[in-house]
């Protein structure tokens, strides 16, 4: 099952080679490791230390869950999600930053464990790259 991560910087360095796929969870790990944020608990698989699977959820309550894995690990993540006590499938849940390759499996799992389907809400993420001072920004 999952175990909580203490060394957030090491986990960030482990998943960094998979940028840009890992950018969101990587940045969250860095912010938390440096003390700039305290919103989430981060978990990895205890029995699969080589895995890149990360589950993170809000410290307050249980409703918001973030997921990260490589495409080759999607099946393993879904199996563990089915059994973990970290997620109350009877509660109102919000899974976010779900990779496209995991959406169908997560929807099927929710349908199996609850009577409610997951609704997909698309979010847009924008990245700002600052311009050098000598260039004008129009």
N, C-alpha and C. Protein backbone atom coordinates (compact mmCIF):
# COMPACT_ATOMS: atom_id res chain seq x y z
N UNK A 1 0.83 -1.19 0.00
CA UNK A 1 0.00 0.00 0.00
C UNK A 1 0.87 1.25 0.00
N UNK A 2 0.25 2.36 0.31
CA UNK A 2 0.95 3.64 0.30
C UNK A 2 1.63 3.90 1.65
N UNK A 3 2.72 4.64 1.59
CA UNK A 3 3.37 5.17 2.79
C UNK A 3 3.62 6.65 2.56
N UNK A 4 3.52 7.42 3.63
CA UNK A 4 3.74 8.86 3.50
C UNK A 4 5.22 9.15 3.29
N UNK A 5 5.50 10.14 2.46
CA UNK A 5 6.87 10.51 2.11
C UNK A 5 7.36 11.59 3.07
N UNK A 6 8.56 11.38 3.61
CA UNK A 6 9.20 12.39 4.45
C UNK A 6 10.17 13.25 3.65
N UNK A 7 10.93 12.62 2.77
CA UNK A 7 11.96 13.33 2.00
C UNK A 7 11.38 13.76 0.64
N UNK A 8 10.72 14.89 0.66
CA UNK A 8 10.04 15.38 -0.55
C UNK A 8 11.02 15.78 -1.65
N UNK A 9 12.18 16.31 -1.29
CA UNK A 9 13.16 16.70 -2.31
C UNK A 9 13.69 15.49 -3.08
N UNK A 10 13.95 14.39 -2.38
CA UNK A 10 14.41 13.18 -3.07
C UNK A 10 13.36 12.67 -4.05
N UNK A 11 12.11 12.71 -3.64
CA UNK A 11 11.04 12.28 -4.53
C UNK A 11 10.94 13.21 -5.74
N UNK A 12 11.09 14.51 -5.52
CA UNK A 12 11.07 15.46 -6.63
C UNK A 12 12.19 15.17 -7.62
N UNK A 13 13.38 14.87 -7.12
CA UNK A 13 14.51 14.55 -8.00
C UNK A 13 14.27 13.24 -8.75
N UNK A 14 13.60 12.31 -8.12
CA UNK A 14 13.32 11.01 -8.75
C UNK A 14 12.40 11.17 -9.96
N UNK A 15 11.38 12.01 -9.84
CA UNK A 15 10.41 12.14 -10.95
C UNK A 15 10.79 13.24 -11.94
N UNK A 16 11.78 14.06 -11.62
CA UNK A 16 12.18 15.16 -12.48
C UNK A 16 12.56 14.73 -13.91
N UNK A 17 13.23 13.60 -14.11
CA UNK A 17 13.57 13.21 -15.48
C UNK A 17 12.36 13.03 -16.41
N UNK A 18 11.19 12.96 -15.84
CA UNK A 18 9.98 12.74 -16.64
C UNK A 18 9.24 14.04 -16.95
N UNK A 19 9.93 15.18 -16.78
CA UNK A 19 9.34 16.46 -17.19
C UNK A 19 9.11 16.42 -18.69
N UNK A 20 8.10 17.02 -19.25
CA UNK A 20 7.11 17.86 -18.60
C UNK A 20 5.94 17.08 -17.97
N UNK A 21 5.88 15.77 -18.20
CA UNK A 21 4.78 14.97 -17.66
C UNK A 21 4.67 15.11 -16.14
N UNK A 22 5.81 15.20 -15.47
CA UNK A 22 5.81 15.24 -14.00
C UNK A 22 5.85 16.65 -13.43
N UNK A 23 5.70 17.67 -14.26
CA UNK A 23 5.92 19.05 -13.82
C UNK A 23 5.03 19.46 -12.64
N UNK A 24 3.76 19.13 -12.68
CA UNK A 24 2.85 19.59 -11.63
C UNK A 24 3.20 18.99 -10.28
N UNK A 25 3.36 17.68 -10.23
CA UNK A 25 3.68 17.05 -8.94
C UNK A 25 5.11 17.44 -8.51
N UNK A 26 6.02 17.55 -9.46
CA UNK A 26 7.39 17.96 -9.14
C UNK A 26 7.39 19.34 -8.48
N UNK A 27 6.69 20.29 -9.07
CA UNK A 27 6.64 21.64 -8.51
C UNK A 27 5.97 21.66 -7.14
N UNK A 28 4.91 20.87 -6.96
CA UNK A 28 4.25 20.78 -5.65
C UNK A 28 5.21 20.21 -4.60
N UNK A 29 5.97 19.19 -4.98
CA UNK A 29 6.93 18.61 -4.04
C UNK A 29 8.00 19.62 -3.63
N UNK A 30 8.51 20.38 -4.60
CA UNK A 30 9.53 21.39 -4.30
C UNK A 30 8.97 22.46 -3.37
N UNK A 31 7.77 22.95 -3.67
CA UNK A 31 7.16 23.98 -2.82
C UNK A 31 6.97 23.49 -1.39
N UNK A 32 6.51 22.26 -1.24
CA UNK A 32 6.30 21.71 0.10
C UNK A 32 7.64 21.43 0.81
N UNK A 33 8.61 20.92 0.07
CA UNK A 33 9.91 20.60 0.67
C UNK A 33 10.60 21.86 1.19
N UNK A 34 10.43 22.96 0.50
CA UNK A 34 11.07 24.21 0.91
C UNK A 34 10.23 25.01 1.90
N UNK A 35 9.08 24.48 2.27
CA UNK A 35 8.26 25.14 3.28
C UNK A 35 7.38 26.26 2.75
N UNK A 36 7.25 26.38 1.43
CA UNK A 36 6.42 27.44 0.84
C UNK A 36 4.95 27.04 0.77
N UNK A 37 4.66 25.77 0.97
CA UNK A 37 3.28 25.28 0.93
C UNK A 37 3.15 24.15 1.95
N UNK A 38 1.94 24.00 2.45
CA UNK A 38 1.67 22.93 3.42
C UNK A 38 0.27 22.35 3.20
N UNK A 39 -0.12 22.23 1.98
CA UNK A 39 -1.48 21.83 1.66
C UNK A 39 -1.67 20.31 1.59
N UNK A 40 -0.64 19.57 1.15
CA UNK A 40 -0.81 18.16 0.83
C UNK A 40 0.06 17.24 1.68
N UNK A 41 -0.43 16.00 1.81
CA UNK A 41 0.37 14.86 2.24
C UNK A 41 0.73 14.11 0.95
N UNK A 42 1.96 13.63 0.83
CA UNK A 42 2.41 12.91 -0.35
C UNK A 42 2.67 11.45 0.02
N UNK A 43 2.26 10.55 -0.85
CA UNK A 43 2.39 9.12 -0.60
C UNK A 43 2.99 8.42 -1.82
N UNK A 44 3.79 7.38 -1.56
CA UNK A 44 4.32 6.51 -2.60
C UNK A 44 4.00 5.07 -2.22
N UNK A 45 4.24 4.15 -3.13
CA UNK A 45 3.97 2.74 -2.85
C UNK A 45 5.09 2.15 -1.99
N UNK A 46 4.72 1.60 -0.86
CA UNK A 46 5.69 1.04 0.08
C UNK A 46 6.41 -0.17 -0.51
N UNK A 47 5.70 -1.00 -1.25
CA UNK A 47 6.28 -2.24 -1.77
C UNK A 47 6.87 -2.11 -3.16
N UNK A 48 6.87 -0.91 -3.71
CA UNK A 48 7.42 -0.68 -5.05
C UNK A 48 8.28 0.58 -5.04
N UNK A 49 9.45 0.53 -4.39
CA UNK A 49 10.27 1.74 -4.27
C UNK A 49 10.77 2.28 -5.61
N UNK A 50 10.81 1.43 -6.62
CA UNK A 50 11.25 1.87 -7.95
C UNK A 50 10.16 2.62 -8.71
N UNK A 51 8.94 2.53 -8.24
CA UNK A 51 7.79 3.13 -8.91
C UNK A 51 7.84 4.65 -8.86
N UNK A 52 7.21 5.27 -9.85
CA UNK A 52 7.06 6.73 -9.89
C UNK A 52 5.64 7.15 -9.50
N UNK A 53 4.89 6.24 -8.91
CA UNK A 53 3.52 6.53 -8.49
C UNK A 53 3.53 7.43 -7.27
N UNK A 54 2.79 8.53 -7.37
CA UNK A 54 2.64 9.46 -6.25
C UNK A 54 1.16 9.78 -6.11
N UNK A 55 0.65 9.67 -4.90
CA UNK A 55 -0.69 10.12 -4.56
C UNK A 55 -0.51 11.25 -3.57
N UNK A 56 -1.18 12.35 -3.82
CA UNK A 56 -1.14 13.44 -2.84
C UNK A 56 -2.54 13.92 -2.60
N UNK A 57 -2.82 14.22 -1.33
CA UNK A 57 -4.17 14.64 -0.96
C UNK A 57 -4.10 15.75 0.07
N UNK A 58 -5.16 16.50 0.14
CA UNK A 58 -5.20 17.62 1.06
C UNK A 58 -5.10 17.13 2.50
N UNK A 59 -4.46 17.94 3.32
CA UNK A 59 -4.32 17.60 4.73
C UNK A 59 -5.65 17.75 5.46
N UNK A 60 -6.44 18.70 5.02
CA UNK A 60 -7.75 18.93 5.63
C UNK A 60 -8.79 18.12 4.86
N UNK A 61 -9.36 17.14 5.49
CA UNK A 61 -10.38 16.34 4.83
C UNK A 61 -9.77 15.37 3.84
N UNK A 62 -10.60 14.86 3.00
CA UNK A 62 -10.18 13.76 2.15
C UNK A 62 -10.62 13.96 0.71
N UNK A 63 -11.20 15.09 0.40
CA UNK A 63 -11.91 15.21 -0.86
C UNK A 63 -11.05 15.48 -2.08
N UNK A 64 -9.84 16.01 -1.92
CA UNK A 64 -9.03 16.39 -3.07
C UNK A 64 -7.80 15.51 -3.17
N UNK A 65 -7.67 14.82 -4.31
CA UNK A 65 -6.60 13.85 -4.50
C UNK A 65 -5.90 14.12 -5.82
N UNK A 66 -4.58 14.19 -5.79
CA UNK A 66 -3.78 14.31 -7.01
C UNK A 66 -3.08 12.99 -7.27
N UNK A 67 -2.91 12.66 -8.53
CA UNK A 67 -2.29 11.40 -8.91
C UNK A 67 -1.18 11.64 -9.92
N UNK A 68 -0.12 10.86 -9.81
CA UNK A 68 0.97 10.90 -10.78
C UNK A 68 1.50 9.49 -10.96
N UNK A 69 1.73 9.11 -12.20
CA UNK A 69 2.40 7.85 -12.50
C UNK A 69 2.85 7.88 -13.95
N UNK A 70 3.73 6.97 -14.30
CA UNK A 70 4.10 6.79 -15.69
C UNK A 70 3.01 5.95 -16.35
N UNK A 71 2.91 6.04 -17.66
CA UNK A 71 1.85 5.30 -18.36
C UNK A 71 1.97 3.80 -18.10
N UNK A 72 3.18 3.29 -18.01
CA UNK A 72 3.39 1.86 -17.76
C UNK A 72 2.96 1.43 -16.36
N UNK A 73 2.73 2.38 -15.46
CA UNK A 73 2.34 2.08 -14.08
C UNK A 73 0.86 2.28 -13.81
N UNK A 74 0.09 2.66 -14.81
CA UNK A 74 -1.33 2.98 -14.61
C UNK A 74 -2.11 1.81 -14.02
N UNK A 75 -1.89 0.61 -14.52
CA UNK A 75 -2.60 -0.56 -14.01
C UNK A 75 -2.30 -0.82 -12.54
N UNK A 76 -1.04 -0.68 -12.15
CA UNK A 76 -0.66 -0.86 -10.75
C UNK A 76 -1.31 0.20 -9.88
N UNK A 77 -1.30 1.44 -10.32
CA UNK A 77 -1.93 2.51 -9.53
C UNK A 77 -3.41 2.23 -9.33
N UNK A 78 -4.11 1.82 -10.37
CA UNK A 78 -5.54 1.54 -10.24
C UNK A 78 -5.81 0.39 -9.27
N UNK A 79 -4.97 -0.64 -9.29
CA UNK A 79 -5.14 -1.75 -8.34
C UNK A 79 -4.97 -1.28 -6.90
N UNK A 80 -3.98 -0.44 -6.67
CA UNK A 80 -3.74 0.05 -5.31
C UNK A 80 -4.84 1.01 -4.87
N UNK A 81 -5.32 1.85 -5.78
CA UNK A 81 -6.41 2.77 -5.44
C UNK A 81 -7.66 2.02 -5.00
N UNK A 82 -7.86 0.85 -5.58
CA UNK A 82 -9.04 0.05 -5.25
C UNK A 82 -9.01 -0.41 -3.79
N UNK A 83 -7.81 -0.58 -3.22
CA UNK A 83 -7.68 -1.16 -1.88
C UNK A 83 -7.23 -0.17 -0.81
N UNK A 84 -6.77 1.00 -1.18
CA UNK A 84 -6.19 1.89 -0.18
C UNK A 84 -7.23 2.50 0.76
N UNK A 85 -6.92 2.57 2.04
CA UNK A 85 -7.82 3.26 2.97
C UNK A 85 -7.67 4.79 2.92
N UNK A 86 -6.73 5.28 2.12
CA UNK A 86 -6.53 6.73 2.01
C UNK A 86 -7.67 7.43 1.29
N UNK A 87 -8.44 6.68 0.52
CA UNK A 87 -9.54 7.27 -0.25
C UNK A 87 -10.86 6.68 0.21
N UNK A 88 -11.76 7.54 0.61
CA UNK A 88 -13.11 7.14 0.99
C UNK A 88 -13.98 7.28 -0.25
N UNK A 89 -14.25 6.16 -0.90
CA UNK A 89 -15.00 6.19 -2.16
C UNK A 89 -16.46 6.57 -1.95
N UNK A 90 -16.92 6.66 -0.71
CA UNK A 90 -18.29 7.10 -0.44
C UNK A 90 -18.37 8.61 -0.24
N UNK A 91 -17.23 9.26 -0.18
CA UNK A 91 -17.20 10.72 0.01
C UNK A 91 -17.26 11.42 -1.35
N UNK A 92 -17.47 12.71 -1.32
CA UNK A 92 -17.35 13.52 -2.53
C UNK A 92 -15.86 13.67 -2.82
N UNK A 93 -15.44 13.30 -4.01
CA UNK A 93 -14.02 13.30 -4.35
C UNK A 93 -13.74 14.21 -5.54
N UNK A 94 -12.57 14.79 -5.55
CA UNK A 94 -12.08 15.55 -6.69
C UNK A 94 -10.67 15.04 -6.99
N UNK A 95 -10.54 14.32 -8.09
CA UNK A 95 -9.22 13.89 -8.56
C UNK A 95 -8.75 14.93 -9.55
N UNK A 96 -7.55 15.41 -9.38
CA UNK A 96 -7.06 16.43 -10.30
C UNK A 96 -5.66 16.08 -10.77
N UNK A 97 -5.26 16.73 -11.86
CA UNK A 97 -3.98 16.46 -12.52
C UNK A 97 -3.90 14.98 -12.92
N UNK A 98 -5.00 14.45 -13.41
CA UNK A 98 -5.05 13.05 -13.83
C UNK A 98 -4.56 12.97 -15.27
N UNK A 99 -3.52 12.18 -15.53
CA UNK A 99 -3.04 12.04 -16.90
C UNK A 99 -4.11 11.42 -17.80
N UNK A 100 -4.10 11.79 -19.07
CA UNK A 100 -5.10 11.28 -20.02
C UNK A 100 -5.15 9.76 -20.03
N UNK A 101 -4.00 9.10 -19.93
CA UNK A 101 -3.97 7.64 -20.00
C UNK A 101 -4.59 6.97 -18.78
N UNK A 102 -4.90 7.74 -17.74
CA UNK A 102 -5.47 7.19 -16.51
C UNK A 102 -6.96 7.48 -16.37
N UNK A 103 -7.49 8.37 -17.19
CA UNK A 103 -8.87 8.83 -17.05
C UNK A 103 -9.87 7.68 -17.16
N UNK A 104 -9.80 6.89 -18.21
CA UNK A 104 -10.75 5.80 -18.42
C UNK A 104 -10.72 4.78 -17.29
N UNK A 105 -9.53 4.40 -16.87
CA UNK A 105 -9.39 3.44 -15.77
C UNK A 105 -9.92 3.97 -14.46
N UNK A 106 -9.68 5.25 -14.20
CA UNK A 106 -10.17 5.86 -12.96
C UNK A 106 -11.69 5.96 -12.98
N UNK A 107 -12.26 6.28 -14.14
CA UNK A 107 -13.72 6.33 -14.26
C UNK A 107 -14.32 4.94 -14.04
N UNK A 108 -13.71 3.92 -14.62
CA UNK A 108 -14.21 2.55 -14.44
C UNK A 108 -14.10 2.12 -12.98
N UNK A 109 -13.02 2.48 -12.32
CA UNK A 109 -12.84 2.13 -10.91
C UNK A 109 -13.90 2.82 -10.05
N UNK A 110 -14.14 4.09 -10.30
CA UNK A 110 -15.17 4.81 -9.54
C UNK A 110 -16.54 4.20 -9.75
N UNK A 111 -16.83 3.80 -10.98
CA UNK A 111 -18.13 3.18 -11.28
C UNK A 111 -18.26 1.84 -10.55
N UNK A 112 -17.16 1.11 -10.45
CA UNK A 112 -17.16 -0.19 -9.77
C UNK A 112 -17.32 -0.03 -8.25
N UNK A 113 -16.68 0.97 -7.67
CA UNK A 113 -16.67 1.13 -6.22
C UNK A 113 -17.79 2.00 -5.68
N UNK A 114 -18.42 2.76 -6.55
CA UNK A 114 -19.51 3.65 -6.13
C UNK A 114 -20.64 3.51 -7.14
N UNK A 115 -21.69 4.20 -6.89
CA UNK A 115 -22.78 4.23 -7.87
C UNK A 115 -22.75 5.52 -8.68
N UNK A 116 -21.72 6.33 -8.45
CA UNK A 116 -21.64 7.64 -9.10
C UNK A 116 -20.47 7.68 -10.08
N UNK A 117 -20.72 8.07 -11.30
CA UNK A 117 -19.61 8.21 -12.25
C UNK A 117 -18.80 9.47 -11.95
N UNK A 118 -17.58 9.49 -12.41
CA UNK A 118 -16.76 10.69 -12.29
C UNK A 118 -17.08 11.61 -13.46
N UNK A 119 -17.29 12.86 -13.17
CA UNK A 119 -17.49 13.86 -14.21
C UNK A 119 -16.13 14.45 -14.57
N UNK A 120 -15.90 14.63 -15.86
CA UNK A 120 -14.65 15.22 -16.30
C UNK A 120 -14.84 16.72 -16.44
N UNK A 121 -13.94 17.46 -15.81
CA UNK A 121 -13.90 18.91 -15.93
C UNK A 121 -12.51 19.26 -16.44
N UNK A 122 -12.45 19.86 -17.61
CA UNK A 122 -11.15 20.21 -18.17
C UNK A 122 -10.67 21.53 -17.60
N UNK A 123 -9.41 21.55 -17.24
CA UNK A 123 -8.79 22.76 -16.69
C UNK A 123 -7.66 23.19 -17.62
N UNK A 124 -7.47 24.46 -17.70
CA UNK A 124 -6.37 25.00 -18.49
C UNK A 124 -5.27 25.47 -17.56
N UNK A 125 -4.06 25.16 -17.91
CA UNK A 125 -2.91 25.62 -17.15
C UNK A 125 -2.07 26.48 -18.07
N UNK A 126 -1.70 27.64 -17.59
CA UNK A 126 -0.91 28.57 -18.38
C UNK A 126 0.44 28.77 -17.70
N UNK A 127 1.48 28.84 -18.50
CA UNK A 127 2.82 29.07 -17.98
C UNK A 127 3.32 30.39 -18.50
N UNK A 128 3.87 31.18 -17.62
CA UNK A 128 4.42 32.47 -18.00
C UNK A 128 5.94 32.37 -17.99
N UNK A 129 6.57 32.76 -19.08
CA UNK A 129 8.02 32.84 -19.16
C UNK A 129 8.40 34.30 -19.17
N UNK A 130 9.14 34.75 -18.17
CA UNK A 130 9.49 36.16 -18.10
C UNK A 130 10.48 36.52 -19.20
N UNK A 131 10.36 37.73 -19.69
CA UNK A 131 11.24 38.24 -20.74
C UNK A 131 12.42 38.94 -20.09
N UNK A 132 13.59 38.88 -20.73
CA UNK A 132 14.71 39.66 -20.21
C UNK A 132 14.34 41.14 -20.16
N UNK A 133 14.91 41.87 -19.22
CA UNK A 133 14.55 43.27 -18.98
C UNK A 133 14.72 44.16 -20.20
N UNK A 134 15.68 43.85 -21.08
CA UNK A 134 15.91 44.73 -22.22
C UNK A 134 14.86 44.57 -23.32
N UNK A 135 14.06 43.53 -23.27
CA UNK A 135 13.02 43.34 -24.29
C UNK A 135 11.71 43.95 -23.82
N UNK A 136 11.01 44.54 -24.76
CA UNK A 136 9.69 45.08 -24.44
C UNK A 136 8.65 43.98 -24.56
N UNK A 137 7.69 44.00 -23.68
CA UNK A 137 6.60 43.03 -23.73
C UNK A 137 5.36 43.77 -24.21
N UNK A 138 4.80 43.36 -25.30
CA UNK A 138 3.60 44.02 -25.86
C UNK A 138 2.39 43.24 -25.53
